[in-house]
């Protein structure tokens, strides 16, 4: 079963736990799409660094301005679907990353 996970980074970046992200990208069998939803801080650099060191399939979308949750999800889904077909695509806000540990 091919599953994609879209994670939207908007206003919770200061709460991101590096350990949770490391577990997410290196131990769970999902194709990941990180969406930087218009943040002007170091979020994009953080996400690109994760992508560079990831053992799994990770893509990053950088939206230049905050477009709202719905548009951020659409952008992530478009990018994921451009590479493969998926049985499921789910989205999470960045503060929900630790929820995937239980899956």
Protein backbone atom coordinates (compact mmCIF):
# COMPACT_ATOMS: atom_id res chain seq x y z
CA UNK A 1 0.00 0.00 0.00
CA UNK A 2 1.48 3.34 -1.08
CA UNK A 3 0.87 6.12 1.43
CA UNK A 4 1.81 9.77 1.23
CA UNK A 5 1.98 12.13 4.18
CA UNK A 6 1.79 15.90 3.74
CA UNK A 7 3.05 17.92 6.70
CA UNK A 8 2.23 21.62 6.76
CA UNK A 9 4.64 23.95 8.54
CA UNK A 10 2.91 27.24 9.38
CA UNK A 11 3.13 28.58 12.90
CA UNK A 12 4.52 25.79 15.06
CA UNK A 13 8.14 25.69 13.89
CA UNK A 14 9.59 26.65 17.24
CA UNK A 15 7.89 23.55 18.69
CA UNK A 16 9.33 21.08 16.17
CA UNK A 17 11.20 18.27 17.87
CA UNK A 18 14.22 17.10 15.83
CA UNK A 19 13.92 13.59 17.27
CA UNK A 20 10.32 13.26 16.09
CA UNK A 21 11.28 14.43 12.60
CA UNK A 22 14.25 12.05 12.47
CA UNK A 23 12.00 9.13 13.44
CA UNK A 24 9.47 10.20 10.85
CA UNK A 25 11.83 10.40 7.89
CA UNK A 26 14.11 7.48 8.67
CA UNK A 27 11.96 4.81 10.26
CA UNK A 28 8.44 5.07 8.87
CA UNK A 29 7.60 3.73 5.39
CA UNK A 30 5.81 6.78 3.97
CA UNK A 31 6.49 9.15 1.12
CA UNK A 32 6.68 12.56 2.77
CA UNK A 33 5.89 16.02 1.49
CA UNK A 34 6.86 18.94 3.70
CA UNK A 35 5.11 22.21 2.87
CA UNK A 36 6.61 25.47 4.08
CA UNK A 37 3.47 27.60 4.09
CA UNK A 38 4.96 31.05 3.62
CA UNK A 39 7.23 31.09 6.67
CA UNK A 40 10.13 33.54 6.37
CA UNK A 41 12.19 32.09 9.24
CA UNK A 42 14.66 29.18 8.98
CA UNK A 43 11.93 26.62 8.35
CA UNK A 44 12.81 26.09 4.68
CA UNK A 45 16.50 25.51 5.49
CA UNK A 46 15.47 23.07 8.22
CA UNK A 47 13.22 21.14 5.81
CA UNK A 48 15.82 21.05 3.03
CA UNK A 49 18.41 19.75 5.50
CA UNK A 50 16.01 16.97 6.52
CA UNK A 51 15.44 16.10 2.87
CA UNK A 52 19.17 15.92 2.21
CA UNK A 53 19.80 13.49 5.08
CA UNK A 54 16.63 11.40 4.76
CA UNK A 55 16.72 7.71 3.95
CA UNK A 56 13.15 7.82 2.62
CA UNK A 57 11.42 9.71 -0.15
CA UNK A 58 11.04 13.31 1.01
CA UNK A 59 9.96 16.28 -1.10
CA UNK A 60 9.68 19.93 -0.05
CA UNK A 61 7.25 22.58 -1.32
CA UNK A 62 8.05 26.21 -0.52
CA UNK A 63 5.05 28.51 -0.81
CA UNK A 64 6.30 32.09 -0.97
CA UNK A 65 3.32 33.49 0.93
CA UNK A 66 0.93 31.91 3.39
CA UNK A 67 -1.99 30.58 1.37
CA UNK A 68 -4.08 28.97 4.05
CA UNK A 69 -4.26 25.34 5.04
CA UNK A 70 -6.42 24.17 2.13
CA UNK A 71 -4.10 25.58 -0.54
CA UNK A 72 -1.01 24.27 1.23
CA UNK A 73 -2.53 20.77 1.25
CA UNK A 74 -3.37 21.07 -2.46
CA UNK A 75 0.21 22.09 -3.28
CA UNK A 76 1.59 19.12 -1.37
CA UNK A 77 -0.86 16.68 -2.95
CA UNK A 78 -0.05 17.95 -6.44
CA UNK A 79 3.64 17.37 -5.89
CA UNK A 80 3.15 13.89 -4.43
CA UNK A 81 0.77 12.85 -7.20
CA UNK A 82 3.14 14.09 -9.90
CA UNK A 83 5.54 11.24 -9.01
CA UNK A 84 3.30 8.27 -8.14
CA UNK A 85 -0.19 6.95 -7.46
CA UNK A 86 -1.23 6.64 -3.84
CA UNK A 87 -3.74 4.52 -2.00
CA UNK A 88 -3.88 7.15 0.75
CA UNK A 89 -2.65 10.68 1.25
CA UNK A 90 -3.00 12.21 4.69
CA UNK A 91 -1.96 15.58 6.02
CA UNK A 92 -0.78 16.74 9.38
CA UNK A 93 0.21 20.03 10.89
CA UNK A 94 3.80 20.07 12.11
CA UNK A 95 2.72 19.91 15.76
CA UNK A 96 1.13 16.49 15.07
CA UNK A 97 4.30 14.70 13.90
CA UNK A 98 4.62 12.65 17.09
CA UNK A 99 1.22 11.08 16.29
CA UNK A 100 2.85 8.98 13.55
CA UNK A 101 5.06 7.17 16.06
CA UNK A 102 2.09 5.10 17.14
CA UNK A 103 1.30 3.87 13.60
